[in-house]
C-alpha atoms as a PDB file:
ATOM      1  CA  UNK A   1      14.967 143.636 137.935  1.00  0.00           C
ATOM      2  CA  UNK A   2      17.307 144.306 135.100  1.00  0.00           C
ATOM      3  CA  UNK A   3      17.155 141.391 132.810  1.00  0.00           C
ATOM      4  CA  UNK A   4      19.090 142.539 129.532  1.00  0.00           C
ATOM      5  CA  UNK A   5      22.155 143.295 131.789  1.00  0.00           C
ATOM      6  CA  UNK A   6      25.759 141.498 130.559  1.00  0.00           C
ATOM      7  CA  UNK A   7      28.775 140.430 133.149  1.00  0.00           C
ATOM      8  CA  UNK A   8      31.509 143.006 132.945  1.00  0.00           C
ATOM      9  CA  UNK A   9      33.471 140.132 130.820  1.00  0.00           C
ATOM     10  CA  UNK A  10      30.599 139.530 128.292  1.00  0.00           C
ATOM     11  CA  UNK A  11      30.441 143.364 127.949  1.00  0.00           C
ATOM     12  CA  UNK A  12      33.974 144.066 127.310  1.00  0.00           C
ATOM     13  CA  UNK A  13      34.196 140.715 124.966  1.00  0.00           C
ATOM     14  CA  UNK A  14      30.895 142.129 122.787  1.00  0.00           C
ATOM     15  CA  UNK A  15      31.789 145.784 122.738  1.00  0.00           C
ATOM     16  CA  UNK A  16      35.462 145.246 121.891  1.00  0.00           C
ATOM     17  CA  UNK A  17      34.441 142.641 119.099  1.00  0.00           C
ATOM     18  CA  UNK A  18      32.004 144.985 117.319  1.00  0.00           C
ATOM     19  CA  UNK A  19      34.326 148.124 117.718  1.00  0.00           C
ATOM     20  CA  UNK A  20      36.974 146.258 116.117  1.00  0.00           C
ATOM     21  CA  UNK A  21      34.866 145.785 113.054  1.00  0.00           C
ATOM     22  CA  UNK A  22      35.183 149.585 112.685  1.00  0.00           C
ATOM     23  CA  UNK A  23      38.746 149.665 113.063  1.00  0.00           C
ATOM     24  CA  UNK A  24      38.894 150.220 116.865  1.00  0.00           C
ATOM     25  CA  UNK A  25      42.152 148.685 118.303  1.00  0.00           C
ATOM     26  CA  UNK A  26      45.561 149.566 120.099  1.00  0.00           C
ATOM     27  CA  UNK A  27      45.180 153.320 119.053  1.00  0.00           C
ATOM     28  CA  UNK A  28      41.754 153.654 120.724  1.00  0.00           C
ATOM     29  CA  UNK A  29      41.349 155.584 123.519  1.00  0.00           C
ATOM     30  CA  UNK A  30      38.704 155.007 126.274  1.00  0.00           C
ATOM     31  CA  UNK A  31      37.643 157.877 128.484  1.00  0.00           C
ATOM     32  CA  UNK A  32      34.616 157.460 131.256  1.00  0.00           C
ATOM     33  CA  UNK A  33      31.992 159.410 133.077  1.00  0.00           C
ATOM     34  CA  UNK A  34      31.174 156.734 136.148  1.00  0.00           C
ATOM     35  CA  UNK A  35      30.495 157.629 139.581  1.00  0.00           C
ATOM     36  CA  UNK A  36      33.875 158.334 141.553  1.00  0.00           C
ATOM     37  CA  UNK A  37      32.628 156.003 144.002  1.00  0.00           C
ATOM     38  CA  UNK A  38      35.533 152.883 144.255  1.00  0.00           C
ATOM     39  CA  UNK A  39      33.039 150.159 143.093  1.00  0.00           C
ATOM     40  CA  UNK A  40      32.726 151.549 139.541  1.00  0.00           C
ATOM     41  CA  UNK A  41      36.740 151.306 139.091  1.00  0.00           C
ATOM     42  CA  UNK A  42      35.966 147.735 138.374  1.00  0.00           C
ATOM     43  CA  UNK A  43      34.546 148.341 134.738  1.00  0.00           C
ATOM     44  CA  UNK A  44      37.436 150.738 134.070  1.00  0.00           C
ATOM     45  CA  UNK A  45      39.813 148.049 135.083  1.00  0.00           C
ATOM     46  CA  UNK A  46      37.950 145.349 132.768  1.00  0.00           C
ATOM     47  CA  UNK A  47      38.309 147.796 129.826  1.00  0.00           C
ATOM     48  CA  UNK A  48      41.406 148.720 130.264  1.00  0.00           C
ATOM     49  CA  UNK A  49      42.362 144.842 129.661  1.00  0.00           C
ATOM     50  CA  UNK A  50      41.898 145.959 126.003  1.00  0.00           C
ATOM     51  CA  UNK A  51      42.436 149.377 125.537  1.00  0.00           C
ATOM     52  CA  UNK A  52      44.536 150.483 128.011  1.00  0.00           C
ATOM     53  CA  UNK A  53      44.137 153.236 130.928  1.00  0.00           C
ATOM     54  CA  UNK A  54      41.330 155.398 130.948  1.00  0.00           C
ATOM     55  CA  UNK A  55      40.559 159.422 130.873  1.00  0.00           C
ATOM     56  CA  UNK A  56      37.752 160.183 133.854  1.00  0.00           C
ATOM     57  CA  UNK A  57      34.825 162.797 132.684  1.00  0.00           C
ATOM     58  CA  UNK A  58      32.759 161.856 135.670  1.00  0.00           C
ATOM     59  CA  UNK A  59      31.873 162.729 138.949  1.00  0.00           C
ATOM     60  CA  UNK A  60      29.189 162.057 141.753  1.00  0.00           C
ATOM     61  CA  UNK A  61      26.423 159.782 140.492  1.00  0.00           C
ATOM     62  CA  UNK A  62      28.105 159.494 136.767  1.00  0.00           C
ATOM     63  CA  UNK A  63      27.564 162.849 135.738  1.00  0.00           C
ATOM     64  CA  UNK A  64      29.901 164.205 133.281  1.00  0.00           C
ATOM     65  CA  UNK A  65      31.320 167.347 135.462  1.00  0.00           C
ATOM     66  CA  UNK A  66      34.439 167.374 133.310  1.00  0.00           C
ATOM     67  CA  UNK A  67      32.208 168.991 130.297  1.00  0.00           C
ATOM     68  CA  UNK A  68      33.405 169.775 126.916  1.00  0.00           C
ATOM     69  CA  UNK A  69      36.832 170.671 128.703  1.00  0.00           C
ATOM     70  CA  UNK A  70      37.467 167.330 129.968  1.00  0.00           C
ATOM     71  CA  UNK A  71      36.112 165.615 126.423  1.00  0.00           C
ATOM     72  CA  UNK A  72      38.289 168.504 124.453  1.00  0.00           C
ATOM     73  CA  UNK A  73      41.490 167.049 126.671  1.00  0.00           C
ATOM     74  CA  UNK A  74      40.357 163.676 126.152  1.00  0.00           C
ATOM     75  CA  UNK A  75      40.437 164.115 122.803  1.00  0.00           C
ATOM     76  CA  UNK A  76      44.103 165.332 122.484  1.00  0.00           C
ATOM     77  CA  UNK A  77      45.113 162.362 123.896  1.00  0.00           C
ATOM     78  CA  UNK A  78      44.156 160.024 121.065  1.00  0.00           C
ATOM     79  CA  UNK A  79      46.944 158.484 119.183  1.00  0.00           C
ATOM     80  CA  UNK A  80      47.173 159.734 116.022  1.00  0.00           C
ATOM     81  CA  UNK A  81      44.746 157.691 113.757  1.00  0.00           C
ATOM     82  CA  UNK A  82      43.106 156.598 116.286  1.00  0.00           C
ATOM     83  CA  UNK A  83      39.343 156.409 117.612  1.00  0.00           C
ATOM     84  CA  UNK A  84      37.546 156.921 121.298  1.00  0.00           C
ATOM     85  CA  UNK A  85      35.113 155.299 123.134  1.00  0.00           C
ATOM     86  CA  UNK A  86      33.215 156.991 125.500  1.00  0.00           C
ATOM     87  CA  UNK A  87      31.345 155.060 128.599  1.00  0.00           C
ATOM     88  CA  UNK A  88      28.801 156.505 130.656  1.00  0.00           C
ATOM     89  CA  UNK A  89      26.146 156.052 132.879  1.00  0.00           C
ATOM     90  CA  UNK A  90      24.730 155.815 136.738  1.00  0.00           C
ATOM     91  CA  UNK A  91      25.373 152.707 138.715  1.00  0.00           C
ATOM     92  CA  UNK A  92      23.010 151.011 141.362  1.00  0.00           C
ATOM     93  CA  UNK A  93      23.732 148.299 144.123  1.00  0.00           C
ATOM     94  CA  UNK A  94      22.261 144.750 144.500  1.00  0.00           C
ATOM     95  CA  UNK A  95      23.426 143.088 147.852  1.00  0.00           C
ATOM     96  CA  UNK A  96      23.640 139.552 148.569  1.00  0.00           C
ATOM     97  CA  UNK A  97      20.087 139.336 149.660  1.00  0.00           C
ATOM     98  CA  UNK A  98      18.803 140.989 146.653  1.00  0.00           C
ATOM     99  CA  UNK A  99      17.943 144.393 148.085  1.00  0.00           C
ATOM    100  CA  UNK A 100      18.396 147.211 145.336  1.00  0.00           C
ATOM    101  CA  UNK A 101      20.438 150.161 146.036  1.00  0.00           C
ATOM    102  CA  UNK A 102      22.490 148.560 148.678  1.00  0.00           C
ATOM    103  CA  UNK A 103      26.033 146.776 148.249  1.00  0.00           C
ATOM    104  CA  UNK A 104      28.392 144.867 150.218  1.00  0.00           C
ATOM    105  CA  UNK A 105      31.457 146.826 150.456  1.00  0.00           C
ATOM    106  CA  UNK A 106      35.092 145.018 151.315  1.00  0.00           C
ATOM    107  CA  UNK A 107      35.452 145.111 155.224  1.00  0.00           C
ATOM    108  CA  UNK A 108      32.066 146.318 156.207  1.00  0.00           C
ATOM    109  CA  UNK A 109      29.693 144.355 157.890  1.00  0.00           C
ATOM    110  CA  UNK A 110      26.423 145.980 157.164  1.00  0.00           C
ATOM    111  CA  UNK A 111      25.550 146.773 153.574  1.00  0.00           C
ATOM    112  CA  UNK A 112      25.805 150.369 152.368  1.00  0.00           C
ATOM    113  CA  UNK A 113      23.499 152.629 150.036  1.00  0.00           C
ATOM    114  CA  UNK A 114      24.720 152.447 146.544  1.00  0.00           C
ATOM    115  CA  UNK A 115      24.460 155.280 144.765  1.00  0.00           C
ATOM    116  CA  UNK A 116      24.938 157.422 147.736  1.00  0.00           C
ATOM    117  CA  UNK A 117      24.271 160.629 145.663  1.00  0.00           C
ATOM    118  CA  UNK A 118      21.537 159.405 143.907  1.00  0.00           C
ATOM    119  CA  UNK A 119      19.618 158.186 147.142  1.00  0.00           C
ATOM    120  CA  UNK A 120      20.424 161.583 148.291  1.00  0.00           C
ATOM    121  CA  UNK A 121      19.002 163.490 145.444  1.00  0.00           C
ATOM    122  CA  UNK A 122      16.265 161.110 145.155  1.00  0.00           C
ATOM    123  CA  UNK A 123      15.102 161.953 148.945  1.00  0.00           C
ATOM    124  CA  UNK A 124      15.649 165.936 147.846  1.00  0.00           C
ATOM    125  CA  UNK A 125      13.634 165.517 144.802  1.00  0.00           C
ATOM    126  CA  UNK A 126      10.852 163.228 146.782  1.00  0.00           C
ATOM    127  CA  UNK A 127      10.469 165.991 149.427  1.00  0.00           C
ATOM    128  CA  UNK A 128      10.392 168.869 146.645  1.00  0.00           C
ATOM    129  CA  UNK A 129       7.808 167.386 144.809  1.00  0.00           C
ATOM    130  CA  UNK A 130       5.966 167.202 148.000  1.00  0.00           C
ATOM    131  CA  UNK A 131       6.082 170.518 148.575  1.00  0.00           C
ATOM    132  CA  UNK A 132       8.024 169.413 152.073  1.00  0.00           C
ATOM    133  CA  UNK A 133      11.283 171.684 150.921  1.00  0.00           C
ATOM    134  CA  UNK A 134      12.033 174.378 148.618  1.00  0.00           C
ATOM    135  CA  UNK A 135      14.424 173.115 145.676  1.00  0.00           C
ATOM    136  CA  UNK A 136      17.936 173.662 146.109  1.00  0.00           C
ATOM    137  CA  UNK A 137      19.632 176.296 144.217  1.00  0.00           C
ATOM    138  CA  UNK A 138      22.475 175.320 142.434  1.00  0.00           C
ATOM    139  CA  UNK A 139      25.529 176.195 145.047  1.00  0.00           C
ATOM    140  CA  UNK A 140      28.277 178.300 144.055  1.00  0.00           C
ATOM    141  CA  UNK A 141      30.535 176.855 147.341  1.00  0.00           C
ATOM    142  CA  UNK A 142      32.877 174.538 145.504  1.00  0.00           C
ATOM    143  CA  UNK A 143      32.848 171.898 148.492  1.00  0.00           C
ATOM    144  CA  UNK A 144      29.528 170.515 147.532  1.00  0.00           C
ATOM    145  CA  UNK A 145      28.804 171.987 144.238  1.00  0.00           C
ATOM    146  CA  UNK A 146      28.118 168.690 142.352  1.00  0.00           C
ATOM    147  CA  UNK A 147      25.545 167.444 144.796  1.00  0.00           C
ATOM    148  CA  UNK A 148      23.275 170.231 144.150  1.00  0.00           C
ATOM    149  CA  UNK A 149      23.785 169.651 140.509  1.00  0.00           C
ATOM    150  CA  UNK A 150      22.723 166.014 140.851  1.00  0.00           C
ATOM    151  CA  UNK A 151      19.716 167.270 142.921  1.00  0.00           C
ATOM    152  CA  UNK A 152      18.845 169.569 140.358  1.00  0.00           C
ATOM    153  CA  UNK A 153      19.131 167.545 137.437  1.00  0.00           C
ATOM    154  CA  UNK A 154      17.139 164.710 138.820  1.00  0.00           C
ATOM    155  CA  UNK A 155      14.104 166.960 139.569  1.00  0.00           C
ATOM    156  CA  UNK A 156      12.589 167.280 136.467  1.00  0.00           C
ATOM    157  CA  UNK A 157      12.006 163.250 137.291  1.00  0.00           C
ATOM    158  CA  UNK A 158      10.477 163.441 140.582  1.00  0.00           C
ATOM    159  CA  UNK A 159       7.146 162.424 139.078  1.00  0.00           C
ATOM    160  CA  UNK A 160       8.342 159.327 137.171  1.00  0.00           C
ATOM    161  CA  UNK A 161      10.085 158.423 140.678  1.00  0.00           C
ATOM    162  CA  UNK A 162       6.869 159.046 142.371  1.00  0.00           C
ATOM    163  CA  UNK A 163       4.932 156.956 140.623  1.00  0.00           C
ATOM    164  CA  UNK A 164       7.767 154.319 140.145  1.00  0.00           C
ATOM    165  CA  UNK A 165       6.765 150.539 141.707  1.00  0.00           C
ATOM    166  CA  UNK A 166      10.625 150.705 142.990  1.00  0.00           C
ATOM    167  CA  UNK A 167      12.250 153.701 143.197  1.00  0.00           C
ATOM    168  CA  UNK A 168      15.709 152.171 143.596  1.00  0.00           C
ATOM    169  CA  UNK A 169      15.249 150.207 140.968  1.00  0.00           C
ATOM    170  CA  UNK A 170      14.024 153.174 138.708  1.00  0.00           C
ATOM    171  CA  UNK A 171      16.501 155.938 139.928  1.00  0.00           C
ATOM    172  CA  UNK A 172      19.692 154.516 137.791  1.00  0.00           C
ATOM    173  CA  UNK A 173      17.152 154.628 134.880  1.00  0.00           C
ATOM    174  CA  UNK A 174      16.092 158.161 135.447  1.00  0.00           C
ATOM    175  CA  UNK A 175      19.497 159.216 135.749  1.00  0.00           C
ATOM    176  CA  UNK A 176      20.639 157.919 132.559  1.00  0.00           C
ATOM    177  CA  UNK A 177      18.427 159.427 130.923  1.00  0.00           C
ATOM    178  CA  UNK A 178      19.700 162.898 132.424  1.00  0.00           C
ATOM    179  CA  UNK A 179      22.952 162.298 131.618  1.00  0.00           C
ATOM    180  CA  UNK A 180      22.517 161.199 128.011  1.00  0.00           C
ATOM    181  CA  UNK A 181      20.531 164.523 127.509  1.00  0.00           C
ATOM    182  CA  UNK A 182      24.310 166.221 128.863  1.00  0.00           C
ATOM    183  CA  UNK A 183      26.543 163.535 126.940  1.00  0.00           C
ATOM    184  CA  UNK A 184      24.698 164.263 123.335  1.00  0.00           C
ATOM    185  CA  UNK A 185      25.149 168.208 123.940  1.00  0.00           C
ATOM    186  CA  UNK A 186      29.132 167.717 124.765  1.00  0.00           C
ATOM    187  CA  UNK A 187      29.403 165.446 122.279  1.00  0.00           C
ATOM    188  CA  UNK A 188      27.974 167.984 119.725  1.00  0.00           C
ATOM    189  CA  UNK A 189      29.957 170.646 121.131  1.00  0.00           C
ATOM    190  CA  UNK A 190      33.220 169.043 121.369  1.00  0.00           C
ATOM    191  CA  UNK A 191      33.498 166.096 118.806  1.00  0.00           C
ATOM    192  CA  UNK A 192      35.297 168.302 116.601  1.00  0.00           C
ATOM    193  CA  UNK A 193      38.476 168.039 118.647  1.00  0.00           C
ATOM    194  CA  UNK A 194      38.967 164.244 117.475  1.00  0.00           C
ATOM    195  CA  UNK A 195      41.201 164.363 114.802  1.00  0.00           C
ATOM    196  CA  UNK A 196      41.804 163.235 111.496  1.00  0.00           C
ATOM    197  CA  UNK A 197      38.676 160.682 110.791  1.00  0.00           C
ATOM    198  CA  UNK A 198      38.287 159.315 114.326  1.00  0.00           C
ATOM    199  CA  UNK A 199      35.106 158.067 115.551  1.00  0.00           C
ATOM    200  CA  UNK A 200      33.564 158.389 118.502  1.00  0.00           C
ATOM    201  CA  UNK A 201      31.843 155.006 120.229  1.00  0.00           C
ATOM    202  CA  UNK A 202      29.078 155.889 122.885  1.00  0.00           C
ATOM    203  CA  UNK A 203      28.286 153.811 125.352  1.00  0.00           C
ATOM    204  CA  UNK A 204      25.941 154.323 127.732  1.00  0.00           C
ATOM    205  CA  UNK A 205      23.990 152.500 130.833  1.00  0.00           C
ATOM    206  CA  UNK A 206      23.670 151.373 133.936  1.00  0.00           C
ATOM    207  CA  UNK A 207      26.725 149.716 136.246  1.00  0.00           C
ATOM    208  CA  UNK A 208      25.271 146.709 138.806  1.00  0.00           C
ATOM    209  CA  UNK A 209      27.285 146.648 141.846  1.00  0.00           C
ATOM    210  CA  UNK A 210      27.473 143.482 143.261  1.00  0.00           C
ATOM    211  CA  UNK A 211      28.946 141.681 146.628  1.00  0.00           C
ATOM    212  CA  UNK A 212      32.699 141.111 146.231  1.00  0.00           C
ATOM    213  CA  UNK A 213      32.682 137.678 145.133  1.00  0.00           C
ATOM    214  CA  UNK A 214      30.469 138.311 142.159  1.00  0.00           C
ATOM    215  CA  UNK A 215      30.902 139.755 138.777  1.00  0.00           C
ATOM    216  CA  UNK A 216      29.327 143.233 138.379  1.00  0.00           C
ATOM    217  CA  UNK A 217      27.014 143.785 135.423  1.00  0.00           C
ATOM    218  CA  UNK A 218      26.254 146.253 132.849  1.00  0.00           C
ATOM    219  CA  UNK A 219      22.816 147.472 131.636  1.00  0.00           C
ATOM    220  CA  UNK A 220      23.369 148.878 127.883  1.00  0.00           C
ATOM    221  CA  UNK A 221      21.139 150.989 126.904  1.00  0.00           C
ATOM    222  CA  UNK A 222      22.831 152.974 124.043  1.00  0.00           C
ATOM    223  CA  UNK A 223      25.612 152.035 121.900  1.00  0.00           C
ATOM    224  CA  UNK A 224      26.498 154.177 118.817  1.00  0.00           C
ATOM    225  CA  UNK A 225      29.461 155.427 116.280  1.00  0.00           C
ATOM    226  CA  UNK A 226      29.624 158.939 115.422  1.00  0.00           C
ATOM    227  CA  UNK A 227      31.949 160.848 113.159  1.00  0.00           C
ATOM    228  CA  UNK A 228      33.727 163.297 114.523  1.00  0.00           C
ATOM    229  CA  UNK A 229      31.422 165.800 112.820  1.00  0.00           C
ATOM    230  CA  UNK A 230      28.610 164.137 115.098  1.00  0.00           C
ATOM    231  CA  UNK A 231      26.977 162.309 112.428  1.00  0.00           C
ATOM    232  CA  UNK A 232      25.661 158.829 113.573  1.00  0.00           C
ATOM    233  CA  UNK A 233      27.918 156.323 111.484  1.00  0.00           C
ATOM    234  CA  UNK A 234      25.961 153.245 113.166  1.00  0.00           C
ATOM    235  CA  UNK A 235      23.628 152.136 115.670  1.00  0.00           C
ATOM    236  CA  UNK A 236      24.832 148.908 117.540  1.00  0.00           C
ATOM    237  CA  UNK A 237      23.311 146.271 119.863  1.00  0.00           C
ATOM    238  CA  UNK A 238      24.413 144.045 122.311  1.00  0.00           C
END
């Protein structure tokens, strides 16, 4: 399904090894923009074994709802003379039967939708494309504003999803494209908040959540280092 996906342990080893060649180490700080679903904390804990606790920029479906403000706050927390790594992207579950878009959760007999926010947005977009519903307006009501943003940010990918052989497999890839565009804007506007000659590494991709007894995976789709003037310093591959 995602042949280039790496187990979390291999991902952490490859990323930390690649970044060490550019001076990353104890003074480096990690931020994540991952979905608030508890299954996604595993990846953060795995990277914490190398870089320590992570700063969170993400919300529903992994979108960086913290925006430029959260990146600026994160940048101010980088140790003097240090660099930063931002890990971002949506997630998708694959249950023990190989069903994409489902996951086996601890203590729950039936499989759960994963990512629930993404699936809800995909359902709304599918109906909107067919003209069955009016595209949902961005909410000004804080109690569910993030989901209306997810719905709207996925809307431009409605035709692509409609043509997909497997919507659940294509959904996180479409979400990644939407999120990368936002991350790029955030870094372009906030990069100079990283002090000194600090570097910004960006690792973007799709988290793949699996049953508890198996390793989670990550599909890396972009891995690069930029200066704090948003100039590309290195394009890394995993």
